Amino acid sequence: MKDKFYIIIEVKKTINYINKIIVNYPKVEYVLKNNIELNRYKLLEYCYKANILKDNRLNYQKEIIIIIRMIDYYFYLSYLNKLINKNKYESISNYLLNITKYVYGWIRSEKSK
């Protein structure tokens, strides 16, 4: 499926980048890895819901921001536990920051309508 919505395209790129990183997580960090895996797909799901369902759009947009912050926190924990290096943490954070900016812009544009 070819998406035209820019936020969804960026979320998919972020998911692909995250997939490459969490492959190397040790089995001991199963809970952390599992939370990252669940939330990355939940992020995509809520982007689709916010784009399609107009009646609860603001609620879904807020959920997207919450999920992004949780993913960022999980990667912060990964950095603290030395599962990823500083460069990977900063790279992931930049991906998430860009998505956050787009979502906040989307929220502002919806409020101005």
C-alpha atoms as a PDB file:
ATOM      1  CA  MET A   1       0.000   0.000   0.000  1.00  0.00           C
ATOM      2  CA  LYS A   2       1.381   3.383  -1.013  1.00  0.00           C
ATOM      3  CA  ASP A   3       0.702   6.106   1.537  1.00  0.00           C
ATOM      4  CA  LYS A   4       0.550   9.784   0.711  1.00  0.00           C
ATOM      5  CA  PHE A   5       0.220  11.062   4.270  1.00  0.00           C
ATOM      6  CA  TYR A   6       3.665  12.358   5.256  1.00  0.00           C
ATOM      7  CA  ILE A   7       3.429  11.487   8.959  1.00  0.00           C
ATOM      8  CA  ILE A   8       2.671   7.859   8.143  1.00  0.00           C
ATOM      9  CA  ILE A   9       5.612   7.738   5.735  1.00  0.00           C
ATOM     10  CA  GLU A  10       7.893   9.092   8.469  1.00  0.00           C
ATOM     11  CA  VAL A  11       6.503   6.638  11.035  1.00  0.00           C
ATOM     12  CA  LYS A  12       7.198   3.741   8.663  1.00  0.00           C
ATOM     13  CA  LYS A  13      10.788   4.933   8.143  1.00  0.00           C
ATOM     14  CA  THR A  14      11.197   5.171  11.909  1.00  0.00           C
ATOM     15  CA  ILE A  15       9.787   1.669  12.406  1.00  0.00           C
ATOM     16  CA  ASN A  16      12.248   0.281   9.867  1.00  0.00           C
ATOM     17  CA  TYR A  17      15.126   2.024  11.618  1.00  0.00           C
ATOM     18  CA  ILE A  18      13.978   0.736  15.028  1.00  0.00           C
ATOM     19  CA  ASN A  19      13.695  -2.801  13.627  1.00  0.00           C
ATOM     20  CA  LYS A  20      17.361  -2.747  12.694  1.00  0.00           C
ATOM     21  CA  ILE A  21      18.391  -1.633  16.164  1.00  0.00           C
ATOM     22  CA  ILE A  22      16.308  -3.851  18.441  1.00  0.00           C
ATOM     23  CA  VAL A  23      17.331  -7.023  16.630  1.00  0.00           C
ATOM     24  CA  ASN A  24      20.508  -7.004  18.701  1.00  0.00           C
ATOM     25  CA  TYR A  25      18.874  -6.648  22.104  1.00  0.00           C
ATOM     26  CA  PRO A  26      19.802  -9.454  24.489  1.00  0.00           C
ATOM     27  CA  LYS A  27      17.159 -11.886  25.699  1.00  0.00           C
ATOM     28  CA  VAL A  28      17.533 -10.542  29.229  1.00  0.00           C
ATOM     29  CA  GLU A  29      15.983  -7.271  28.053  1.00  0.00           C
ATOM     30  CA  TYR A  30      12.871  -8.991  26.738  1.00  0.00           C
ATOM     31  CA  VAL A  31      10.437  -6.631  28.478  1.00  0.00           C
ATOM     32  CA  LEU A  32      12.091  -3.512  27.117  1.00  0.00           C
ATOM     33  CA  LYS A  33      12.317  -4.927  23.604  1.00  0.00           C
ATOM     34  CA  ASN A  34       8.709  -6.113  23.749  1.00  0.00           C
ATOM     35  CA  ASN A  35       7.461  -2.681  24.835  1.00  0.00           C
ATOM     36  CA  ILE A  36       9.327  -1.031  21.987  1.00  0.00           C
ATOM     37  CA  GLU A  37       7.911  -3.547  19.505  1.00  0.00           C
ATOM     38  CA  LEU A  38       4.331  -3.074  20.692  1.00  0.00           C
ATOM     39  CA  ASN A  39       4.471   0.705  20.771  1.00  0.00           C
ATOM     40  CA  ARG A  40       6.063   1.181  17.362  1.00  0.00           C
ATOM     41  CA  TYR A  41       3.147  -0.580  15.671  1.00  0.00           C
ATOM     42  CA  LYS A  42       0.637   1.092  17.943  1.00  0.00           C
ATOM     43  CA  LEU A  43       2.111   4.405  16.753  1.00  0.00           C
ATOM     44  CA  LEU A  44       1.376   3.505  13.146  1.00  0.00           C
ATOM     45  CA  GLU A  45      -2.103   2.280  14.044  1.00  0.00           C
ATOM     46  CA  TYR A  46      -3.019   5.533  15.794  1.00  0.00           C
ATOM     47  CA  CYS A  47      -1.682   7.563  12.866  1.00  0.00           C
ATOM     48  CA  TYR A  48      -4.032   5.689  10.551  1.00  0.00           C
ATOM     49  CA  LYS A  49      -6.939   6.108  12.972  1.00  0.00           C
ATOM     50  CA  ALA A  50      -6.306   9.842  13.377  1.00  0.00           C
ATOM     51  CA  ASN A  51      -6.099  10.246   9.621  1.00  0.00           C
ATOM     52  CA  ILE A  52      -9.283   8.319   8.840  1.00  0.00           C
ATOM     53  CA  LEU A  53     -11.593   8.824  11.830  1.00  0.00           C
ATOM     54  CA  LYS A  54     -12.448  12.501  12.036  1.00  0.00           C
ATOM     55  CA  ASP A  55     -14.697  12.360  15.112  1.00  0.00           C
ATOM     56  CA  ASN A  56     -11.939  11.412  17.612  1.00  0.00           C
ATOM     57  CA  ARG A  57      -8.993  12.846  15.703  1.00  0.00           C
ATOM     58  CA  LEU A  58      -7.661  15.032  18.530  1.00  0.00           C
ATOM     59  CA  ASN A  59      -7.713  12.107  20.974  1.00  0.00           C
ATOM     60  CA  TYR A  60      -5.765   9.920  18.546  1.00  0.00           C
ATOM     61  CA  GLN A  61      -3.293  12.718  17.896  1.00  0.00           C
ATOM     62  CA  LYS A  62      -2.671  13.041  21.633  1.00  0.00           C
ATOM     63  CA  GLU A  63      -2.213   9.266  21.850  1.00  0.00           C
ATOM     64  CA  ILE A  64       0.395   9.505  19.090  1.00  0.00           C
ATOM     65  CA  ILE A  65       2.355  12.047  21.157  1.00  0.00           C
ATOM     66  CA  ILE A  66       2.135   9.827  24.249  1.00  0.00           C
ATOM     67  CA  ILE A  67       3.350   6.764  22.343  1.00  0.00           C
ATOM     68  CA  ILE A  68       6.251   8.724  20.867  1.00  0.00           C
ATOM     69  CA  ARG A  69       7.301   9.839  24.330  1.00  0.00           C
ATOM     70  CA  MET A  70       7.101   6.295  25.635  1.00  0.00           C
ATOM     71  CA  ILE A  71       9.229   4.956  22.771  1.00  0.00           C
ATOM     72  CA  ASP A  72      11.762   7.701  23.421  1.00  0.00           C
ATOM     73  CA  TYR A  73      11.841   6.748  27.099  1.00  0.00           C
ATOM     74  CA  TYR A  74      12.372   3.075  26.259  1.00  0.00           C
ATOM     75  CA  PHE A  75      15.330   4.005  24.101  1.00  0.00           C
ATOM     76  CA  TYR A  76      16.644   6.253  26.851  1.00  0.00           C
ATOM     77  CA  LEU A  77      16.579   3.229  29.150  1.00  0.00           C
ATOM     78  CA  SER A  78      18.319   1.253  26.420  1.00  0.00           C
ATOM     79  CA  TYR A  79      21.023   3.889  26.276  1.00  0.00           C
ATOM     80  CA  LEU A  80      21.423   3.904  30.063  1.00  0.00           C
ATOM     81  CA  ASN A  81      21.687   0.106  30.080  1.00  0.00           C
ATOM     82  CA  LYS A  82      24.291   0.334  27.294  1.00  0.00           C
ATOM     83  CA  LEU A  83      22.164  -1.611  24.813  1.00  0.00           C
ATOM     84  CA  ILE A  84      22.605   1.162  22.264  1.00  0.00           C
ATOM     85  CA  ASN A  85      25.252   3.832  21.904  1.00  0.00           C
ATOM     86  CA  LYS A  86      24.768   7.585  22.109  1.00  0.00           C
ATOM     87  CA  ASN A  87      24.684   8.059  18.333  1.00  0.00           C
ATOM     88  CA  LYS A  88      21.857   5.552  17.873  1.00  0.00           C
ATOM     89  CA  TYR A  89      19.908   7.094  20.748  1.00  0.00           C
ATOM     90  CA  GLU A  90      20.284  10.572  19.258  1.00  0.00           C
ATOM     91  CA  SER A  91      19.321   9.295  15.822  1.00  0.00           C
ATOM     92  CA  ILE A  92      16.162   7.616  17.096  1.00  0.00           C
ATOM     93  CA  SER A  93      15.308  10.691  19.147  1.00  0.00           C
ATOM     94  CA  ASN A  94      15.639  12.860  16.036  1.00  0.00           C
ATOM     95  CA  TYR A  95      13.283  10.581  14.105  1.00  0.00           C
ATOM     96  CA  LEU A  96      10.769  10.772  16.945  1.00  0.00           C
ATOM     97  CA  LEU A  97      11.229  14.529  17.347  1.00  0.00           C
ATOM     98  CA  ASN A  98      10.433  15.111  13.673  1.00  0.00           C
ATOM     99  CA  ILE A  99       7.272  13.032  13.921  1.00  0.00           C
ATOM    100  CA  THR A 100       6.283  14.944  17.067  1.00  0.00           C
ATOM    101  CA  LYS A 101       6.718  18.272  15.267  1.00  0.00           C
ATOM    102  CA  TYR A 102       4.559  17.079  12.382  1.00  0.00           C
ATOM    103  CA  VAL A 103       1.834  15.866  14.733  1.00  0.00           C
ATOM    104  CA  TYR A 104       1.794  19.145  16.677  1.00  0.00           C
ATOM    105  CA  GLY A 105       1.532  20.995  13.358  1.00  0.00           C
ATOM    106  CA  TRP A 106      -1.318  18.705  12.388  1.00  0.00           C
ATOM    107  CA  ILE A 107      -3.081  19.464  15.684  1.00  0.00           C
ATOM    108  CA  ARG A 108      -2.623  23.223  15.168  1.00  0.00           C
ATOM    109  CA  SER A 109      -3.995  23.023  11.630  1.00  0.00           C
ATOM    110  CA  GLU A 110      -7.035  21.078  12.845  1.00  0.00           C
ATOM    111  CA  LYS A 111      -7.749  23.661  15.563  1.00  0.00           C
ATOM    112  CA  SER A 112      -7.571  26.527  13.071  1.00  0.00           C
ATOM    113  CA  LYS A 113     -10.307  24.985  10.888  1.00  0.00           C
END
